[in-house]
Amino acid sequence: MTDLMIVGAGPAGRALAHRAARHGVQVTLVDPAPEARWAMTIGAFVDDLPDWLDPTVVAAAADETVVYTPRRRSLPRAYAVLDAAALQDALTLDAVHVVPAAAARVTADRVHTVDGRQFTARVVVDARGAAEVSTTIPRQRAVGTFVAAADTAPEMVLMDWRATPVHRPSFSYRVRVDAHRDLVEETSLAADPTEIGRAELAQRNAARLPGARVGPEEWGGDEWVDFPMYATAAPWRQTPVRFGAAGGLMHPATGYSVAESLRCADVLAADLAAGGVGAALWPRSARWVYRLRLRGLAVLLGFDGPQLTAFFDAFFALPIRTQRAYLSGRTDLTGVLAAMLAVFVRVPWRLRVAVALGFLRPGSLRPGRRVPAPGPRRSPCPRRGP
């Protein structure tokens, strides 16, 4: 019997175990390979990272973020790419009981492992990720490759919508990942998984590489990203408690989740330390913000390439505080509503009709068949959307 049992030792689960132990909670962490080294690309806005995080986990950073919609916009908001291995090491588990095992069945207070063991806890938290629990579409997909870092200062390009196709649109994400490498990654923001595949994304990405002479049949990229954009329409009703991308902490219109999970780890840990069962993570304002962001995802799904470009051009023209309210303020209901209204009045009239239809009839957010996500997956929080 333990106070808290966490299933899943990815960034969200490990962060929660680390912070809960710091709050004096007795923690058990269950994962089939708890010490497997992380190699995903994790990006985040610097002001989204919690104060307790060791700054040495930042591998590369820039004081501004760049978008092309199609004009170049420089946003005065610092962006960083984290060293995944350093982040894993910083989230120490010295006071955590680690059980190397795969969970076969998880309930509100019990974990059954595939090898026949059973563990009991006051609270069980499932942090295995959205890909483990969701059969929903749309999905975010991306293919990327690492190239030698340029000699100039890093330009953190969050979205480059130049030359995006009308049908099956995608954008380029380009960031410095460490002192020696840049990442160039072609991203399908959100779509039915049958609409755009790895080969097509690889071909588009290869075309963006300087001097590229390879095609999708010869090169599949160094990084393959594939995950559902949301796990449930009401994460606060889940049993057992879920945390991280599977627990509603992924932004449903961008795919970012790691920074939010790091920040929320303390919220949940403090609640559990005080005898709670996780309700503090979802106040009423957070529930409404999440619902509105799901409607935002439905809006994006109805757009072709030029419409997406025009939409993001309007969004990134907003004051940075308004952008941040929508991208990072998970309890800022007033700020999220203000951002959505501000974009609506700035887009062209024809696009307003499409925005209104997508918002009022979110039929594209539907359950679908499970689509496997092979290969290394990068955390959502970063490279795609803000």
Protein backbone atom coordinates (compact mmCIF):
# COMPACT_ATOMS: atom_id res chain seq x y z
CA MET A 1 0.00 0.00 0.00
CA THR A 2 1.33 3.42 -0.97
CA ASP A 3 -0.07 6.96 -1.09
CA LEU A 4 0.40 7.45 -4.83
CA MET A 5 1.05 4.99 -7.63
CA ILE A 6 1.98 6.40 -11.05
CA VAL A 7 1.83 4.26 -14.19
CA GLY A 8 4.20 5.52 -16.87
CA ALA A 9 7.70 7.01 -16.51
CA GLY A 10 7.67 9.43 -19.43
CA PRO A 11 8.13 13.18 -18.88
CA ALA A 12 4.69 13.64 -17.29
CA GLY A 13 4.81 10.59 -15.02
CA ARG A 14 8.40 11.09 -13.95
CA ALA A 15 7.80 14.81 -13.26
CA LEU A 16 4.79 13.99 -11.08
CA ALA A 17 6.74 11.30 -9.19
CA HIS A 18 9.63 13.72 -8.64
CA ARG A 19 7.47 16.58 -7.40
CA ALA A 20 5.12 14.42 -5.31
CA ALA A 21 8.11 12.95 -3.48
CA ARG A 22 9.34 16.49 -2.83
CA HIS A 23 5.95 17.24 -1.27
CA GLY A 24 6.37 14.30 1.10
CA VAL A 25 4.05 11.89 -0.69
CA GLN A 26 4.94 8.18 -0.66
CA VAL A 27 5.26 7.34 -4.37
CA THR A 28 5.54 4.14 -6.39
CA LEU A 29 6.31 4.42 -10.11
CA VAL A 30 5.46 1.54 -12.46
CA ASP A 31 6.91 1.32 -15.96
CA PRO A 32 8.24 -1.57 -18.10
CA ALA A 33 11.49 0.32 -18.80
CA PRO A 34 11.77 3.15 -16.25
CA GLU A 35 15.40 3.94 -17.08
CA ALA A 36 15.11 3.84 -20.88
CA ARG A 37 16.85 6.97 -22.11
CA TRP A 38 14.73 9.73 -23.61
CA ALA A 39 15.68 10.91 -27.08
CA MET A 40 12.63 12.90 -28.18
CA THR A 41 12.75 16.58 -29.15
CA ILE A 42 11.09 18.70 -26.47
CA GLY A 43 10.47 22.38 -27.12
CA ALA A 44 8.62 24.99 -25.07
CA PHE A 45 8.16 28.68 -24.54
CA VAL A 46 10.56 29.64 -21.78
CA ASP A 47 7.87 31.39 -19.72
CA ASP A 48 5.89 28.12 -19.65
CA LEU A 49 8.63 26.25 -17.80
CA PRO A 50 8.26 25.99 -13.99
CA ASP A 51 10.63 27.91 -11.70
CA TRP A 52 11.84 24.71 -10.04
CA LEU A 53 13.21 23.23 -13.25
CA ASP A 54 17.02 23.09 -13.45
CA PRO A 55 18.01 25.63 -16.15
CA THR A 56 20.82 23.36 -17.34
CA VAL A 57 18.23 21.14 -19.06
CA VAL A 58 17.88 23.83 -21.77
CA ALA A 59 19.99 22.74 -24.73
CA ALA A 60 19.27 25.74 -26.97
CA ALA A 61 17.21 28.90 -26.70
CA ALA A 62 16.43 32.16 -28.46
CA ASP A 63 14.92 35.38 -27.16
CA GLU A 64 12.30 35.45 -29.90
CA THR A 65 10.15 33.01 -31.85
CA VAL A 66 9.63 33.28 -35.61
CA VAL A 67 6.59 32.42 -37.72
CA TYR A 68 5.97 32.78 -41.47
CA THR A 69 2.29 33.32 -42.33
CA PRO A 70 3.55 33.85 -45.08
CA ARG A 71 5.20 37.10 -43.98
CA ARG A 72 7.93 36.79 -41.40
CA ARG A 73 6.81 37.69 -37.89
CA SER A 74 9.18 37.92 -34.96
CA LEU A 75 7.38 37.24 -31.67
CA PRO A 76 8.97 38.63 -28.48
CA ARG A 77 8.57 35.37 -26.58
CA ALA A 78 11.63 33.24 -25.79
CA TYR A 79 11.63 29.64 -26.99
CA ALA A 80 13.79 26.74 -25.84
CA VAL A 81 14.57 23.17 -26.81
CA LEU A 82 15.31 20.94 -23.86
CA ASP A 83 17.97 18.26 -23.58
CA ALA A 84 15.70 15.24 -23.09
CA ALA A 85 18.37 13.15 -21.34
CA ALA A 86 19.28 16.02 -19.02
CA LEU A 87 15.61 16.57 -18.19
CA GLN A 88 15.25 12.90 -17.34
CA ASP A 89 18.27 13.07 -15.02
CA ALA A 90 17.01 16.28 -13.38
CA LEU A 91 13.72 14.61 -12.46
CA THR A 92 15.37 12.49 -9.80
CA LEU A 93 13.59 9.51 -8.27
CA ASP A 94 15.73 9.07 -5.14
CA ALA A 95 12.69 8.94 -2.83
CA VAL A 96 10.46 7.01 -5.24
CA HIS A 97 9.92 3.24 -5.23
CA VAL A 98 10.35 2.17 -8.87
CA VAL A 99 8.75 -1.06 -10.11
CA PRO A 100 9.98 -2.23 -13.54
CA ALA A 101 6.81 -3.84 -14.85
CA ALA A 102 4.11 -3.34 -17.46
CA ALA A 103 0.60 -2.59 -16.24
CA ALA A 104 -2.10 -4.94 -17.46
CA ARG A 105 -5.04 -3.32 -15.66
CA VAL A 106 -5.29 0.02 -13.89
CA THR A 107 -8.12 1.15 -11.60
CA ALA A 108 -8.64 4.07 -9.22
CA ASP A 109 -6.70 2.37 -6.41
CA ARG A 110 -5.07 -0.72 -7.91
CA VAL A 111 -2.50 -1.70 -10.55
CA HIS A 112 -2.28 -5.24 -11.90
CA THR A 113 0.95 -6.02 -13.78
CA VAL A 114 1.37 -8.46 -16.65
CA ASP A 115 3.56 -10.68 -14.47
CA GLY A 116 0.69 -11.24 -12.03
CA ARG A 117 1.54 -8.79 -9.26
CA GLN A 118 -0.98 -6.43 -7.71
CA PHE A 119 -0.29 -3.07 -6.07
CA THR A 120 -2.67 -0.94 -4.04
CA ALA A 121 -2.54 2.82 -3.50
CA ARG A 122 -4.73 5.57 -2.09
CA VAL A 123 -4.60 7.22 -5.53
CA VAL A 124 -3.50 5.74 -8.86
CA VAL A 125 -2.49 8.09 -11.69
CA ASP A 126 -2.22 6.89 -15.29
CA ALA A 127 0.51 8.85 -17.11
CA ARG A 128 1.16 6.56 -20.06
CA GLY A 129 0.42 9.15 -22.73
CA ALA A 130 -2.41 9.91 -25.14
CA ALA A 131 -1.27 7.29 -27.66
CA GLU A 132 -1.84 4.58 -25.05
CA VAL A 133 -5.40 5.47 -24.17
CA SER A 134 -6.93 7.23 -27.16
CA THR A 135 -8.55 5.89 -30.31
CA THR A 136 -9.51 9.34 -31.49
CA ILE A 137 -8.66 11.27 -34.56
CA PRO A 138 -7.35 13.72 -35.64
CA ARG A 139 -3.66 13.05 -35.19
CA GLN A 140 -0.57 15.19 -35.45
CA ARG A 141 2.18 13.76 -37.63
CA ALA A 142 5.66 14.97 -38.52
CA VAL A 143 8.86 13.82 -40.17
CA GLY A 144 12.12 15.56 -39.32
CA THR A 145 15.84 15.34 -39.90
CA PHE A 146 18.85 16.79 -38.13
CA VAL A 147 21.31 18.96 -40.04
CA ALA A 148 24.54 20.67 -39.04
CA ALA A 149 23.82 23.81 -37.03
CA ALA A 150 24.28 27.06 -38.92
CA ASP A 151 27.04 29.41 -37.81
CA THR A 152 24.50 32.15 -37.16
CA ALA A 153 22.39 32.60 -34.04
CA PRO A 154 19.53 30.09 -33.89
CA GLU A 155 16.23 31.06 -35.47
CA MET A 156 13.44 29.19 -33.68
CA VAL A 157 10.81 28.87 -36.43
CA LEU A 158 7.62 27.68 -34.82
CA MET A 159 5.60 27.58 -38.03
CA ASP A 160 6.50 28.27 -41.65
CA TRP A 161 3.36 28.18 -43.77
CA ARG A 162 5.06 29.36 -46.97
CA ALA A 163 4.50 27.03 -49.89
CA THR A 164 2.06 24.84 -47.99
CA PRO A 165 -0.20 22.82 -50.32
CA VAL A 166 -3.88 23.65 -50.63
CA HIS A 167 -4.83 20.07 -49.84
CA ARG A 168 -3.34 18.08 -46.94
CA PRO A 169 -1.55 21.19 -45.62
CA SER A 170 1.61 21.03 -43.53
CA PHE A 171 4.13 23.51 -42.17
CA SER A 172 7.85 23.49 -41.46
CA TYR A 173 9.19 23.58 -37.90
CA ARG A 174 12.88 24.50 -37.66
CA VAL A 175 14.80 24.86 -34.40
CA ARG A 176 18.29 24.61 -32.93
CA VAL A 177 18.38 21.49 -30.76
CA ASP A 178 21.93 21.76 -29.41
CA ALA A 179 25.26 23.40 -30.18
CA HIS A 180 25.84 21.20 -33.21
CA ARG A 181 22.44 20.38 -34.74
CA ASP A 182 19.32 21.98 -36.14
CA LEU A 183 16.04 20.12 -36.65
CA VAL A 184 14.00 20.59 -39.83
CA GLU A 185 10.58 18.96 -39.47
CA GLU A 186 7.52 18.91 -41.71
CA THR A 187 4.35 18.82 -39.64
CA SER A 188 0.73 18.02 -40.30
CA LEU A 189 -0.86 20.04 -37.51
CA ALA A 190 -4.02 17.94 -37.17
CA ALA A 191 -5.76 15.68 -39.67
CA ASP A 192 -7.48 12.36 -40.22
CA PRO A 193 -4.56 9.88 -40.21
CA THR A 194 -5.61 8.54 -43.61
CA GLU A 195 -5.11 11.94 -45.24
CA ILE A 196 -1.34 12.37 -45.05
CA GLY A 197 1.34 9.75 -44.50
CA ARG A 198 4.99 9.54 -43.59
CA ALA A 199 6.24 9.31 -47.17
CA GLU A 200 4.51 12.51 -48.24
CA LEU A 201 5.74 14.43 -45.21
CA ALA A 202 9.26 13.10 -45.79
CA GLN A 203 9.18 14.25 -49.40
CA ARG A 204 8.06 17.74 -48.41
CA ASN A 205 10.67 17.94 -45.68
CA ALA A 206 13.45 16.83 -48.02
CA ALA A 207 12.50 19.64 -50.39
CA ARG A 208 13.15 22.17 -47.61
CA LEU A 209 16.64 20.86 -46.81
CA PRO A 210 19.51 22.82 -48.37
CA GLY A 211 20.93 20.83 -51.27
CA ALA A 212 18.63 17.87 -50.60
CA ARG A 213 18.84 15.18 -53.28
CA VAL A 214 16.85 12.39 -51.67
CA GLY A 215 13.29 11.22 -51.98
CA PRO A 216 10.93 9.48 -49.55
CA GLU A 217 11.86 6.06 -50.91
CA GLU A 218 15.48 6.65 -49.84
CA TRP A 219 15.02 8.63 -46.67
CA GLY A 220 12.39 8.41 -43.97
CA GLY A 221 13.76 11.11 -41.69
CA ASP A 222 15.47 10.99 -38.30
CA GLU A 223 12.34 11.65 -36.27
CA TRP A 224 8.78 10.39 -36.77
CA VAL A 225 6.00 11.94 -34.68
CA ASP A 226 2.48 10.49 -34.56
CA PHE A 227 -0.03 10.97 -31.75
CA PRO A 228 -3.73 11.81 -31.22
CA MET A 229 -4.51 15.45 -30.57
CA TYR A 230 -6.70 14.73 -27.56
CA ALA A 231 -7.56 11.74 -25.42
CA THR A 232 -11.00 12.61 -24.10
CA ALA A 233 -13.57 15.38 -24.21
CA ALA A 234 -13.76 15.49 -20.38
CA PRO A 235 -10.43 14.55 -18.74
CA TRP A 236 -11.72 15.60 -15.30
CA ARG A 237 -14.14 12.63 -15.37
CA GLN A 238 -11.51 9.97 -15.99
CA THR A 239 -11.04 7.05 -13.63
CA PRO A 240 -8.32 6.46 -12.67
CA VAL A 241 -6.89 9.97 -12.64
CA ARG A 242 -4.87 10.58 -15.80
CA PHE A 243 -2.01 13.03 -16.06
CA GLY A 244 -0.04 14.50 -18.96
CA ALA A 245 -1.09 14.17 -22.59
CA ALA A 246 -3.65 11.49 -21.67
CA GLY A 247 -5.09 13.67 -18.93
CA GLY A 248 -6.02 16.76 -20.91
CA LEU A 249 -2.72 18.62 -20.50
CA MET A 250 -1.96 18.49 -24.20
CA HIS A 251 -3.15 21.64 -25.93
CA PRO A 252 -5.79 20.20 -28.29
CA ALA A 253 -5.11 22.76 -31.02
CA THR A 254 -1.29 22.65 -31.01
CA GLY A 255 -0.09 19.35 -29.53
CA TYR A 256 2.06 20.87 -26.78
CA SER A 257 2.01 19.07 -23.42
CA VAL A 258 5.39 18.68 -21.73
CA ALA A 259 5.75 22.19 -20.29
CA GLU A 260 2.14 22.10 -19.08
CA SER A 261 2.73 18.73 -17.45
CA LEU A 262 5.85 20.03 -15.71
CA ARG A 263 3.95 23.03 -14.38
CA CYS A 264 0.91 21.02 -13.30
CA ALA A 265 2.99 18.37 -11.54
CA ASP A 266 3.26 20.65 -8.51
CA VAL A 267 -0.48 21.43 -8.55
CA LEU A 268 -1.39 17.75 -8.46
CA ALA A 269 1.41 16.86 -6.02
CA ALA A 270 0.29 19.54 -3.54
CA ASP A 271 -3.31 18.36 -3.80
CA LEU A 272 -2.31 14.74 -3.14
CA ALA A 273 -0.07 15.79 -0.24
CA ALA A 274 -3.07 17.54 1.32
CA GLY A 275 -5.18 14.38 1.07
CA GLY A 276 -6.93 15.24 -2.19
CA VAL A 277 -7.56 12.94 -5.14
CA GLY A 278 -6.65 15.23 -8.04
CA ALA A 279 -9.67 17.55 -8.28
CA ALA A 280 -7.45 20.63 -7.87
CA LEU A 281 -6.10 20.04 -11.35
CA TRP A 282 -9.45 20.84 -12.96
CA PRO A 283 -11.17 23.92 -11.53
CA ARG A 284 -14.25 25.12 -13.40
CA SER A 285 -12.28 27.67 -15.43
CA ALA A 286 -9.85 24.98 -16.67
CA ARG A 287 -12.76 22.81 -17.78
CA TRP A 288 -14.28 25.60 -19.87
CA VAL A 289 -10.91 26.52 -21.37
CA TYR A 290 -10.36 22.92 -22.40
CA ARG A 291 -13.81 22.74 -24.04
CA LEU A 292 -13.15 25.96 -25.95
CA ARG A 293 -9.76 24.73 -27.13
CA LEU A 294 -11.37 21.55 -28.45
CA ARG A 295 -13.70 23.76 -30.48
CA GLY A 296 -10.60 25.58 -31.70
CA LEU A 297 -9.20 22.26 -32.91
CA ALA A 298 -12.47 21.56 -34.75
CA VAL A 299 -12.15 24.92 -36.50
CA LEU A 300 -8.63 24.14 -37.73
CA LEU A 301 -9.68 20.77 -39.12
CA GLY A 302 -11.98 22.41 -41.64
CA PHE A 303 -9.30 24.59 -43.25
CA ASP A 304 -7.20 24.09 -46.36
CA GLY A 305 -3.65 25.41 -46.70
CA PRO A 306 -4.42 29.06 -47.59
CA GLN A 307 -7.11 29.25 -44.91
CA LEU A 308 -4.74 27.92 -42.23
CA THR A 309 -2.13 30.45 -43.31
CA ALA A 310 -4.63 33.31 -43.09
CA PHE A 311 -5.90 32.08 -39.73
CA PHE A 312 -2.44 31.92 -38.15
CA ASP A 313 -1.51 35.26 -39.71
CA ALA A 314 -4.43 36.78 -37.80
CA PHE A 315 -3.53 34.92 -34.61
CA PHE A 316 0.13 35.89 -34.56
CA ALA A 317 -0.79 39.52 -35.24
CA LEU A 318 -2.41 39.64 -31.78
CA PRO A 319 -0.56 41.17 -28.80
CA ILE A 320 1.76 38.62 -27.25
CA ARG A 321 -0.21 38.59 -23.98
CA THR A 322 -3.35 37.63 -25.92
CA GLN A 323 -1.51 34.87 -27.78
CA ARG A 324 -0.16 33.55 -24.50
CA ALA A 325 -3.61 33.47 -22.94
CA TYR A 326 -4.81 31.05 -25.62
CA LEU A 327 -1.64 29.00 -25.89
CA SER A 328 -0.67 28.76 -22.22
CA GLY A 329 -3.44 30.00 -19.93
CA ARG A 330 -5.25 26.77 -19.08
CA THR A 331 -7.35 28.50 -16.39
CA ASP A 332 -7.60 31.92 -18.06
CA LEU A 333 -11.15 31.71 -19.40
CA THR A 334 -11.44 35.45 -20.03
CA GLY A 335 -8.13 35.54 -21.89
CA VAL A 336 -8.99 32.54 -24.07
CA LEU A 337 -12.37 34.02 -25.02
CA ALA A 338 -10.75 37.36 -25.82
CA ALA A 339 -8.14 35.67 -28.04
CA MET A 340 -10.77 33.69 -29.96
CA LEU A 341 -12.91 36.77 -30.52
CA ALA A 342 -9.88 38.83 -31.58
CA VAL A 343 -8.92 36.28 -34.25
CA PHE A 344 -12.52 36.01 -35.47
CA VAL A 345 -12.79 39.75 -36.17
CA ARG A 346 -9.38 39.85 -37.90
CA VAL A 347 -9.78 37.03 -40.42
CA PRO A 348 -11.38 37.69 -43.84
CA TRP A 349 -15.17 37.53 -44.04
CA ARG A 350 -15.25 34.23 -45.93
CA LEU A 351 -13.03 32.66 -43.32
CA ARG A 352 -15.30 33.90 -40.54
CA VAL A 353 -18.08 31.70 -41.91
CA ALA A 354 -15.80 28.64 -41.81
CA VAL A 355 -14.66 29.54 -38.29
CA ALA A 356 -18.25 29.85 -37.08
CA LEU A 357 -19.32 26.54 -38.67
CA GLY A 358 -16.34 24.67 -37.21
CA PHE A 359 -16.94 26.13 -33.78
CA LEU A 360 -20.67 25.44 -33.70
CA ARG A 361 -20.55 22.00 -35.37
CA PRO A 362 -17.38 20.18 -34.23
CA GLY A 363 -18.34 16.98 -36.04
CA SER A 364 -14.74 16.24 -37.08
CA LEU A 365 -13.81 15.46 -33.46
CA ARG A 366 -14.98 11.88 -33.58
CA PRO A 367 -13.77 8.52 -32.33
CA GLY A 368 -11.85 6.47 -34.85
CA ARG A 369 -9.85 3.32 -35.25
CA ARG A 370 -6.54 2.99 -33.45
CA VAL A 371 -3.66 4.03 -35.68
CA PRO A 372 -0.26 2.75 -34.49
CA ALA A 373 2.43 5.34 -33.83
CA PRO A 374 5.66 3.53 -34.71
CA GLY A 375 9.13 4.85 -34.02
CA PRO A 376 10.31 7.53 -31.62
CA ARG A 377 7.66 10.08 -30.68
CA ARG A 378 8.44 13.55 -29.65
CA SER A 379 6.55 15.27 -26.98
CA PRO A 380 3.76 17.50 -28.19
CA CYS A 381 4.61 20.42 -26.24
CA PRO A 382 7.10 21.81 -28.40
CA ARG A 383 7.68 21.73 -31.87
CA ARG A 384 4.27 21.83 -33.12
CA GLY A 385 2.07 24.65 -32.45
CA PRO A 386 2.91 26.80 -29.47
